[in-house]
Amino acid sequence: MVKEADRWAKKESMTRSELVRAALRLYFEELDFAAAVRVAKKERREGKLKELKPGGLRELIESG
């Protein structure tokens, strides 16, 4: 696995550490995204998810 990481890092002109850091960052961002989607689907099923209509974001910001 280390040899594979070294090969990929060299191909992308990165150090192995940079490659691993980038891969971990992407992995955790995807986990956060997946969790957010699950929460949104659950709230939609429960009728708690509020959907904005066109122009609704501006109204929401101005009222806050």
PDB file of N, CA and C in Angstrom:
ATOM      1  N   MET A   1       0.826  -1.185   0.000  1.00  0.00           N
ATOM      2  CA  MET A   1       0.000   0.000   0.000  1.00  0.00           C
ATOM      3  C   MET A   1       0.879   1.262   0.000  1.00  0.00           C
ATOM      4  N   VAL A   2       1.974   1.204   0.743  1.00  0.00           N
ATOM      5  CA  VAL A   2       2.886   2.347   0.791  1.00  0.00           C
ATOM      6  C   VAL A   2       3.510   2.585  -0.582  1.00  0.00           C
ATOM      7  N   LYS A   3       3.883   1.508  -1.261  1.00  0.00           N
ATOM      8  CA  LYS A   3       4.473   1.651  -2.595  1.00  0.00           C
ATOM      9  C   LYS A   3       3.472   2.277  -3.558  1.00  0.00           C
ATOM     10  N   GLU A   4       2.219   1.859  -3.444  1.00  0.00           N
ATOM     11  CA  GLU A   4       1.159   2.417  -4.301  1.00  0.00           C
ATOM     12  C   GLU A   4       0.980   3.906  -4.018  1.00  0.00           C
ATOM     13  N   ALA A   5       0.978   4.278  -2.736  1.00  0.00           N
ATOM     14  CA  ALA A   5       0.840   5.689  -2.359  1.00  0.00           C
ATOM     15  C   ALA A   5       2.025   6.494  -2.877  1.00  0.00           C
ATOM     16  N   ASP A   6       3.226   5.943  -2.761  1.00  0.00           N
ATOM     17  CA  ASP A   6       4.413   6.633  -3.273  1.00  0.00           C
ATOM     18  C   ASP A   6       4.312   6.846  -4.783  1.00  0.00           C
ATOM     19  N   ARG A   7       3.837   5.835  -5.485  1.00  0.00           N
ATOM     20  CA  ARG A   7       3.706   5.937  -6.944  1.00  0.00           C
ATOM     21  C   ARG A   7       2.690   7.019  -7.322  1.00  0.00           C
ATOM     22  N   TRP A   8       1.531   7.028  -6.646  1.00  0.00           N
ATOM     23  CA  TRP A   8       0.507   8.040  -6.923  1.00  0.00           C
ATOM     24  C   TRP A   8       1.017   9.436  -6.582  1.00  0.00           C
ATOM     25  N   ALA A   9       1.687   9.551  -5.440  1.00  0.00           N
ATOM     26  CA  ALA A   9       2.210  10.852  -5.021  1.00  0.00           C
ATOM     27  C   ALA A   9       3.215  11.377  -6.044  1.00  0.00           C
ATOM     28  N   LYS A  10       4.106  10.511  -6.491  1.00  0.00           N
ATOM     29  CA  LYS A  10       5.108  10.916  -7.476  1.00  0.00           C
ATOM     30  C   LYS A  10       4.428  11.342  -8.776  1.00  0.00           C
ATOM     31  N   LYS A  11       3.412  10.595  -9.178  1.00  0.00           N
ATOM     32  CA  LYS A  11       2.677  10.911 -10.405  1.00  0.00           C
ATOM     33  C   LYS A  11       2.032  12.292 -10.319  1.00  0.00           C
ATOM     34  N   GLU A  12       1.545  12.661  -9.120  1.00  0.00           N
ATOM     35  CA  GLU A  12       0.866  13.949  -8.918  1.00  0.00           C
ATOM     36  C   GLU A  12       1.802  15.048  -8.415  1.00  0.00           C
ATOM     37  N   SER A  13       3.109  14.761  -8.383  1.00  0.00           N
ATOM     38  CA  SER A  13       4.124  15.718  -7.896  1.00  0.00           C
ATOM     39  C   SER A  13       3.832  16.159  -6.468  1.00  0.00           C
ATOM     40  N   MET A  14       3.529  15.198  -5.616  1.00  0.00           N
ATOM     41  CA  MET A  14       3.228  15.449  -4.206  1.00  0.00           C
ATOM     42  C   MET A  14       4.099  14.540  -3.349  1.00  0.00           C
ATOM     43  N   THR A  15       4.198  14.887  -2.069  1.00  0.00           N
ATOM     44  CA  THR A  15       4.812  13.947  -1.139  1.00  0.00           C
ATOM     45  C   THR A  15       3.740  12.951  -0.725  1.00  0.00           C
ATOM     46  N   ARG A  16       4.161  11.833  -0.189  1.00  0.00           N
ATOM     47  CA  ARG A  16       3.191  10.834   0.272  1.00  0.00           C
ATOM     48  C   ARG A  16       2.313  11.429   1.368  1.00  0.00           C
ATOM     49  N   SER A  17       2.914  12.238   2.243  1.00  0.00           N
ATOM     50  CA  SER A  17       2.161  12.871   3.322  1.00  0.00           C
ATOM     51  C   SER A  17       1.064  13.784   2.768  1.00  0.00           C
ATOM     52  N   GLU A  18       1.393  14.574   1.751  1.00  0.00           N
ATOM     53  CA  GLU A  18       0.392  15.454   1.129  1.00  0.00           C
ATOM     54  C   GLU A  18      -0.737  14.641   0.509  1.00  0.00           C
ATOM     55  N   LEU A  19      -0.376  13.555  -0.141  1.00  0.00           N
ATOM     56  CA  LEU A  19      -1.378  12.696  -0.769  1.00  0.00           C
ATOM     57  C   LEU A  19      -2.318  12.096   0.274  1.00  0.00           C
ATOM     58  N   VAL A  20      -1.749  11.600   1.361  1.00  0.00           N
ATOM     59  CA  VAL A  20      -2.570  10.998   2.420  1.00  0.00           C
ATOM     60  C   VAL A  20      -3.470  12.053   3.054  1.00  0.00           C
ATOM     61  N   ARG A  21      -2.925  13.248   3.299  1.00  0.00           N
ATOM     62  CA  ARG A  21      -3.728  14.330   3.876  1.00  0.00           C
ATOM     63  C   ARG A  21      -4.897  14.695   2.964  1.00  0.00           C
ATOM     64  N   ALA A  22      -4.628  14.807   1.676  1.00  0.00           N
ATOM     65  CA  ALA A  22      -5.687  15.141   0.714  1.00  0.00           C
ATOM     66  C   ALA A  22      -6.741  14.040   0.667  1.00  0.00           C
ATOM     67  N   ALA A  23      -6.294  12.797   0.670  1.00  0.00           N
ATOM     68  CA  ALA A  23      -7.238  11.671   0.633  1.00  0.00           C
ATOM     69  C   ALA A  23      -8.105  11.643   1.887  1.00  0.00           C
ATOM     70  N   LEU A  24      -7.500  11.868   3.046  1.00  0.00           N
ATOM     71  CA  LEU A  24      -8.275  11.876   4.292  1.00  0.00           C
ATOM     72  C   LEU A  24      -9.266  13.029   4.322  1.00  0.00           C
ATOM     73  N   ARG A  25      -8.841  14.203   3.835  1.00  0.00           N
ATOM     74  CA  ARG A  25      -9.751  15.357   3.810  1.00  0.00           C
ATOM     75  C   ARG A  25     -10.967  15.049   2.940  1.00  0.00           C
ATOM     76  N   LEU A  26     -10.739  14.487   1.760  1.00  0.00           N
ATOM     77  CA  LEU A  26     -11.855  14.125   0.880  1.00  0.00           C
ATOM     78  C   LEU A  26     -12.761  13.080   1.521  1.00  0.00           C
ATOM     79  N   TYR A  27     -12.152  12.096   2.168  1.00  0.00           N
ATOM     80  CA  TYR A  27     -12.921  11.036   2.826  1.00  0.00           C
ATOM     81  C   TYR A  27     -13.847  11.619   3.891  1.00  0.00           C
ATOM     82  N   PHE A  28     -13.304  12.502   4.743  1.00  0.00           N
ATOM     83  CA  PHE A  28     -14.129  13.067   5.806  1.00  0.00           C
ATOM     84  C   PHE A  28     -15.174  14.041   5.268  1.00  0.00           C
ATOM     85  N   GLU A  29     -14.858  14.759   4.188  1.00  0.00           N
ATOM     86  CA  GLU A  29     -15.859  15.631   3.569  1.00  0.00           C
ATOM     87  C   GLU A  29     -17.022  14.809   3.025  1.00  0.00           C
ATOM     88  N   GLU A  30     -16.708  13.663   2.418  1.00  0.00           N
ATOM     89  CA  GLU A  30     -17.769  12.800   1.892  1.00  0.00           C
ATOM     90  C   GLU A  30     -18.609  12.208   3.016  1.00  0.00           C
ATOM     91  N   LEU A  31     -17.969  11.870   4.147  1.00  0.00           N
ATOM     92  CA  LEU A  31     -18.731  11.368   5.293  1.00  0.00           C
ATOM     93  C   LEU A  31     -19.696  12.429   5.798  1.00  0.00           C
ATOM     94  N   ASP A  32     -19.199  13.686   5.905  1.00  0.00           N
ATOM     95  CA  ASP A  32     -20.054  14.786   6.348  1.00  0.00           C
ATOM     96  C   ASP A  32     -21.212  14.990   5.382  1.00  0.00           C
ATOM     97  N   PHE A  33     -20.928  14.917   4.086  1.00  0.00           N
ATOM     98  CA  PHE A  33     -21.967  15.092   3.072  1.00  0.00           C
ATOM     99  C   PHE A  33     -23.013  13.988   3.181  1.00  0.00           C
ATOM    100  N   ALA A  34     -22.549  12.743   3.337  1.00  0.00           N
ATOM    101  CA  ALA A  34     -23.475  11.610   3.442  1.00  0.00           C
ATOM    102  C   ALA A  34     -24.360  11.759   4.675  1.00  0.00           C
ATOM    103  N   ALA A  35     -23.781  12.211   5.776  1.00  0.00           N
ATOM    104  CA  ALA A  35     -24.565  12.410   6.999  1.00  0.00           C
ATOM    105  C   ALA A  35     -25.598  13.517   6.794  1.00  0.00           C
ATOM    106  N   ALA A  36     -25.212  14.589   6.117  1.00  0.00           N
ATOM    107  CA  ALA A  36     -26.141  15.692   5.866  1.00  0.00           C
ATOM    108  C   ALA A  36     -27.303  15.238   4.991  1.00  0.00           C
ATOM    109  N   VAL A  37     -27.029  14.408   4.009  1.00  0.00           N
ATOM    110  CA  VAL A  37     -28.088  13.890   3.136  1.00  0.00           C
ATOM    111  C   VAL A  37     -29.041  13.003   3.932  1.00  0.00           C
ATOM    112  N   ARG A  38     -28.494  12.154   4.803  1.00  0.00           N
ATOM    113  CA  ARG A  38     -29.358  11.293   5.632  1.00  0.00           C
ATOM    114  C   ARG A  38     -30.275  12.130   6.521  1.00  0.00           C
ATOM    115  N   VAL A  39     -29.721  13.177   7.132  1.00  0.00           N
ATOM    116  CA  VAL A  39     -30.525  14.045   7.999  1.00  0.00           C
ATOM    117  C   VAL A  39     -31.611  14.743   7.187  1.00  0.00           C
ATOM    118  N   ALA A  40     -31.252  15.246   6.001  1.00  0.00           N
ATOM    119  CA  ALA A  40     -32.232  15.940   5.155  1.00  0.00           C
ATOM    120  C   ALA A  40     -33.358  15.002   4.742  1.00  0.00           C
ATOM    121  N   LYS A  41     -33.024  13.771   4.368  1.00  0.00           N
ATOM    122  CA  LYS A  41     -34.062  12.809   3.980  1.00  0.00           C
ATOM    123  C   LYS A  41     -34.970  12.486   5.157  1.00  0.00           C
ATOM    124  N   LYS A  42     -34.384  12.326   6.344  1.00  0.00           N
ATOM    125  CA  LYS A  42     -35.176  12.028   7.541  1.00  0.00           C
ATOM    126  C   LYS A  42     -36.118  13.191   7.851  1.00  0.00           C
ATOM    127  N   GLU A  43     -35.587  14.427   7.793  1.00  0.00           N
ATOM    128  CA  GLU A  43     -36.420  15.596   8.078  1.00  0.00           C
ATOM    129  C   GLU A  43     -37.518  15.765   7.031  1.00  0.00           C
ATOM    130  N   ARG A  44     -37.228  15.437   5.777  1.00  0.00           N
ATOM    131  CA  ARG A  44     -38.247  15.531   4.729  1.00  0.00           C
ATOM    132  C   ARG A  44     -39.371  14.538   5.011  1.00  0.00           C
ATOM    133  N   ARG A  45     -39.001  13.295   5.390  1.00  0.00           N
ATOM    134  CA  ARG A  45     -40.021  12.285   5.711  1.00  0.00           C
ATOM    135  C   ARG A  45     -40.876  12.728   6.899  1.00  0.00           C
ATOM    136  N   GLU A  46     -40.245  13.377   7.877  1.00  0.00           N
ATOM    137  CA  GLU A  46     -40.967  13.811   9.076  1.00  0.00           C
ATOM    138  C   GLU A  46     -41.690  15.137   8.876  1.00  0.00           C
ATOM    139  N   GLY A  47     -41.516  15.759   7.718  1.00  0.00           N
ATOM    140  CA  GLY A  47     -42.175  17.030   7.437  1.00  0.00           C
ATOM    141  C   GLY A  47     -41.517  18.216   8.118  1.00  0.00           C
ATOM    142  N   LYS A  48     -40.281  18.061   8.556  1.00  0.00           N
ATOM    143  CA  LYS A  48     -39.575  19.133   9.254  1.00  0.00           C
ATOM    144  C   LYS A  48     -38.684  19.960   8.332  1.00  0.00           C
ATOM    145  N   LEU A  49     -38.439  19.461   7.127  1.00  0.00           N
ATOM    146  CA  LEU A  49     -37.535  20.145   6.207  1.00  0.00           C
ATOM    147  C   LEU A  49     -38.281  21.280   5.520  1.00  0.00           C
ATOM    148  N   LYS A  50     -37.746  22.485   5.645  1.00  0.00           N
ATOM    149  CA  LYS A  50     -38.362  23.639   5.003  1.00  0.00           C
ATOM    150  C   LYS A  50     -37.679  23.868   3.665  1.00  0.00           C
ATOM    151  N   GLU A  51     -38.462  23.964   2.616  1.00  0.00           N
ATOM    152  CA  GLU A  51     -37.920  24.208   1.287  1.00  0.00           C
ATOM    153  C   GLU A  51     -38.208  25.652   0.901  1.00  0.00           C
ATOM    154  N   LEU A  52     -37.177  26.334   0.435  1.00  0.00           N
ATOM    155  CA  LEU A  52     -37.321  27.730   0.053  1.00  0.00           C
ATOM    156  C   LEU A  52     -37.863  27.844  -1.362  1.00  0.00           C
ATOM    157  N   LYS A  53     -38.742  28.794  -1.541  1.00  0.00           N
ATOM    158  CA  LYS A  53     -39.269  29.103  -2.866  1.00  0.00           C
ATOM    159  C   LYS A  53     -38.366  30.164  -3.492  1.00  0.00           C
ATOM    160  N   PRO A  54     -38.484  30.413  -4.799  1.00  0.00           N
ATOM    161  CA  PRO A  54     -37.657  31.452  -5.424  1.00  0.00           C
ATOM    162  C   PRO A  54     -37.780  32.774  -4.667  1.00  0.00           C
ATOM    163  N   GLY A  55     -36.642  33.366  -4.329  1.00  0.00           N
ATOM    164  CA  GLY A  55     -36.624  34.613  -3.568  1.00  0.00           C
ATOM    165  C   GLY A  55     -36.734  34.402  -2.076  1.00  0.00           C
ATOM    166  N   GLY A  56     -36.951  33.167  -1.659  1.00  0.00           N
ATOM    167  CA  GLY A  56     -37.142  32.867  -0.245  1.00  0.00           C
ATOM    168  C   GLY A  56     -35.898  33.059   0.599  1.00  0.00           C
ATOM    169  N   LEU A  57     -34.727  32.820   0.030  1.00  0.00           N
ATOM    170  CA  LEU A  57     -33.492  32.983   0.784  1.00  0.00           C
ATOM    171  C   LEU A  57     -33.279  34.444   1.138  1.00  0.00           C
ATOM    172  N   ARG A  58     -33.545  35.330   0.191  1.00  0.00           N
ATOM    173  CA  ARG A  58     -33.395  36.760   0.462  1.00  0.00           C
ATOM    174  C   ARG A  58     -34.337  37.187   1.582  1.00  0.00           C
ATOM    175  N   GLU A  59     -35.580  36.730   1.520  1.00  0.00           N
ATOM    176  CA  GLU A  59     -36.555  37.066   2.557  1.00  0.00           C
ATOM    177  C   GLU A  59     -36.116  36.521   3.911  1.00  0.00           C
ATOM    178  N   LEU A  60     -35.585  35.313   3.922  1.00  0.00           N
ATOM    179  CA  LEU A  60     -35.123  34.700   5.157  1.00  0.00           C
ATOM    180  C   LEU A  60     -33.974  35.495   5.759  1.00  0.00           C
ATOM    181  N   ILE A  61     -33.036  35.931   4.919  1.00  0.00           N
ATOM    182  CA  ILE A  61     -31.886  36.706   5.394  1.00  0.00           C
ATOM    183  C   ILE A  61     -32.336  38.067   5.909  1.00  0.00           C
ATOM    184  N   GLU A  62     -33.237  38.717   5.185  1.00  0.00           N
ATOM    185  CA  GLU A  62     -33.694  40.045   5.581  1.00  0.00           C
ATOM    186  C   GLU A  62     -34.517  40.011   6.862  1.00  0.00           C
ATOM    187  N   SER A  63     -35.234  38.932   7.103  1.00  0.00           N
ATOM    188  CA  SER A  63     -36.069  38.854   8.306  1.00  0.00           C
ATOM    189  C   SER A  63     -35.248  38.490   9.540  1.00  0.00           C
ATOM    190  N   GLY A  64     -34.053  37.924   9.340  1.00  0.00           N
ATOM    191  CA  GLY A  64     -33.222  37.458  10.457  1.00  0.00           C
ATOM    192  C   GLY A  64     -32.427  38.529  11.025  1.00  0.00           C
TER     193      GLY A  64
END
